Protein backbone atom coordinates (compact mmCIF):
# COMPACT_ATOMS: atom_id res chain seq x y z
CA MET A 1 32.88 53.12 -19.49
CA ILE A 2 34.07 53.39 -15.92
CA GLY A 3 37.78 53.63 -15.32
CA GLY A 4 38.58 52.19 -18.73
CA ASN A 5 36.65 48.90 -18.26
CA VAL A 6 33.83 47.96 -20.59
CA VAL A 7 30.98 45.96 -19.07
CA ALA A 8 28.75 44.09 -21.51
CA VAL A 9 25.37 42.85 -20.34
CA SER A 10 23.40 40.40 -22.42
CA LYS A 11 19.77 39.52 -21.94
CA PRO A 12 18.64 35.89 -22.08
CA THR A 13 16.75 35.09 -25.22
CA GLY A 14 13.16 33.95 -25.12
CA LYS A 15 14.23 30.61 -26.57
CA LYS A 16 16.32 29.70 -23.50
CA ARG A 17 13.43 30.40 -21.14
CA VAL A 18 11.11 28.16 -23.15
CA ILE A 19 13.67 25.33 -23.18
CA THR A 20 14.28 25.75 -19.43
CA GLY A 21 10.55 25.73 -18.71
CA PHE A 22 10.03 22.69 -20.92
CA PHE A 23 12.95 20.92 -19.20
CA GLY A 24 11.42 21.73 -15.80
CA VAL A 25 8.08 20.24 -16.84
CA LEU A 26 9.83 17.10 -18.13
CA MET A 27 11.75 16.74 -14.85
CA PHE A 28 8.51 17.13 -12.88
CA ILE A 29 6.78 14.47 -14.99
CA LEU A 30 9.76 12.13 -14.62
CA GLY A 31 9.83 12.63 -10.83
CA TRP A 32 6.07 12.10 -10.53
CA SER A 33 6.28 8.96 -12.69
CA ILE A 34 9.04 7.48 -10.52
CA PHE A 35 7.07 8.32 -7.37
CA MET A 36 3.92 6.66 -8.74
CA PHE A 37 5.90 3.59 -9.92
CA LEU A 38 7.48 3.10 -6.50
CA ASN A 39 4.36 3.75 -4.40
CA PHE A 40 1.33 2.55 -6.40
CA HIS A 41 0.85 -0.89 -7.97
CA THR A 42 -1.90 -2.70 -9.81
CA VAL A 43 -2.79 -6.15 -8.48
CA VAL A 44 -5.02 -8.74 -10.14
CA VAL A 45 -7.33 -10.57 -7.73
CA SER A 46 -7.26 -14.37 -7.80
CA GLY A 47 -9.52 -16.63 -5.72
CA VAL A 48 -12.78 -16.45 -3.83
CA SER A 49 -11.65 -15.44 -0.33
CA MET A 50 -12.63 -11.77 -0.75
CA GLN A 51 -16.00 -12.29 -2.46
CA PRO A 52 -18.35 -10.45 -2.76
CA THR A 53 -16.00 -7.43 -2.51
CA PHE A 54 -13.54 -8.69 -5.15
CA HIS A 55 -13.80 -11.33 -7.86
CA THR A 56 -11.12 -13.27 -9.74
CA GLY A 57 -9.60 -11.17 -12.54
CA GLN A 58 -10.54 -7.83 -11.00
CA ARG A 59 -7.77 -5.22 -10.84
CA VAL A 60 -7.13 -3.06 -7.78
CA VAL A 61 -4.66 -0.24 -7.10
CA VAL A 62 -2.48 -0.65 -4.01
CA SER A 63 -0.55 2.15 -2.30
CA ARG A 64 2.35 1.93 0.09
CA ALA A 65 2.49 5.72 0.46
CA TYR A 66 0.70 5.74 3.82
CA TRP A 67 1.37 9.43 4.33
CA MET A 68 -0.90 10.06 1.31
CA VAL A 69 -3.66 7.51 1.95
CA GLY A 70 -3.58 7.24 5.75
CA ALA A 71 -2.19 4.68 8.16
CA VAL A 72 -3.57 1.15 8.24
CA ARG A 73 -6.87 1.03 10.15
CA GLN A 74 -9.46 -1.56 10.98
CA LYS A 75 -11.53 -2.59 7.91
CA ASP A 76 -8.80 -1.50 5.45
CA ILE A 77 -8.01 -4.01 2.73
CA LEU A 78 -4.32 -4.96 2.53
CA VAL A 79 -2.12 -6.74 0.04
CA ILE A 80 0.32 -8.91 1.99
CA ARG A 81 3.51 -10.68 0.89
CA ASP A 82 3.08 -14.41 1.21
CA ASN A 83 5.11 -17.55 0.62
CA ASN A 84 2.52 -19.04 -1.73
CA PRO A 85 3.25 -19.35 -5.47
CA ASP A 86 1.26 -16.19 -6.28
CA GLY A 87 3.41 -14.20 -3.87
CA PHE A 88 0.64 -12.18 -2.18
CA ILE A 89 -2.76 -12.36 -0.52
CA ILE A 90 -5.54 -9.81 -0.16
CA LYS A 91 -7.32 -9.59 3.19
CA ARG A 92 -9.26 -7.12 5.34
CA VAL A 93 -7.90 -5.86 8.68
CA PHE A 94 -10.12 -7.29 11.41
CA ARG A 95 -8.12 -6.32 14.51
CA MET A 96 -5.22 -3.96 15.13
CA PRO A 97 -2.23 -4.49 17.49
CA GLY A 98 -3.39 -4.69 21.12
CA GLU A 99 -7.01 -5.48 20.25
CA VAL A 100 -8.81 -8.64 21.36
CA VAL A 101 -9.96 -11.20 18.79
CA PRO A 102 -13.32 -12.85 19.64
CA LYS A 103 -12.98 -16.48 20.73
CA GLY A 104 -14.80 -17.87 17.67
CA LEU A 105 -12.34 -16.15 15.30
CA SER A 106 -9.15 -16.84 17.28
CA PRO A 107 -6.25 -18.47 15.44
CA LYS A 108 -6.05 -22.25 15.62
CA ASN A 109 -3.03 -23.83 17.33
CA TRP A 110 -2.10 -20.62 19.17
CA SER A 111 -1.83 -20.43 22.92
CA ILE A 112 -4.66 -18.22 24.13
CA GLU A 113 -4.50 -16.99 27.70
CA SER A 114 -7.71 -16.45 29.70
CA ASP A 115 -9.98 -17.29 26.75
CA LYS A 116 -8.90 -14.30 24.69
CA PHE A 117 -6.32 -13.64 22.00
CA VAL A 118 -4.71 -10.19 21.89
CA VAL A 119 -3.05 -9.17 18.62
CA PRO A 120 0.68 -8.63 19.30
CA GLU A 121 2.34 -5.28 18.59
CA GLY A 122 3.61 -4.92 15.02
CA LYS A 123 1.01 -7.36 13.66
CA PHE A 124 -2.46 -7.26 12.10
CA TYR A 125 -5.22 -9.82 12.37
CA VAL A 126 -6.72 -10.20 8.89
CA LEU A 127 -9.76 -12.04 7.55
CA GLY A 128 -11.17 -12.67 4.10
CA ASP A 129 -14.65 -11.31 3.39
CA ASN A 130 -15.80 -14.84 2.42
CA LEU A 131 -15.17 -16.49 5.80
CA ASP A 132 -16.21 -19.97 4.64
CA GLN A 133 -13.67 -19.99 1.78
CA SER A 134 -10.85 -17.88 3.22
CA GLU A 135 -7.48 -18.92 4.57
CA ASP A 136 -6.57 -16.05 6.85
CA SER A 137 -5.33 -15.22 10.36
CA ARG A 138 -7.59 -17.92 11.77
CA SER A 139 -5.27 -20.49 10.17
CA PHE A 140 -1.88 -18.74 9.96
CA GLY A 141 -2.14 -16.23 12.81
CA PRO A 142 -1.59 -12.47 12.73
CA ILE A 143 0.62 -11.08 9.97
CA ASP A 144 3.70 -8.91 10.46
CA ALA A 145 3.25 -5.26 9.55
CA ASP A 146 6.46 -5.39 7.49
CA LYS A 147 4.84 -7.96 5.15
CA VAL A 148 2.20 -5.44 4.07
CA LEU A 149 2.78 -4.31 0.48
CA GLY A 150 0.13 -1.64 0.77
CA LYS A 151 -3.51 -0.67 1.16
CA VAL A 152 -6.05 -1.15 -1.59
CA VAL A 153 -7.07 2.39 -2.54
CA VAL A 154 -8.97 2.00 -5.85
CA TRP A 155 -11.16 -0.72 -7.26
CA PRO A 156 -13.97 -0.66 -9.78
């Protein structure tokens, strides 16, 4: 007792630490689950345009967390928002912004200056792996980078 005041100190019980630790683990799992839900998606392949790499019915994991899986580069496989009934297409990046597309693979009905087509900034030139059966940038031109849902990061 100092100057007539009584100071009582209580120690936390072991039970409170266990509950706090358990709550922390639950919050971590919840946060990780939300992160995974927002940044990784499973997509089912439909069609023949990416054969032999992908076949109809095959599932792939797509990530939009570029800081984890790396920026889009040439030869990456992208899932792209589309206006078709399925809502998306899967294609491989053939040329990046500023790169020249060879004349034989240039988009149809696009004005090409000096016999070469340069991919505009903010766009990607994409092709299907099965060129004979693929509708890709040769028919609809380069795609906007903001239409990219993500990169394919896992497939069986």
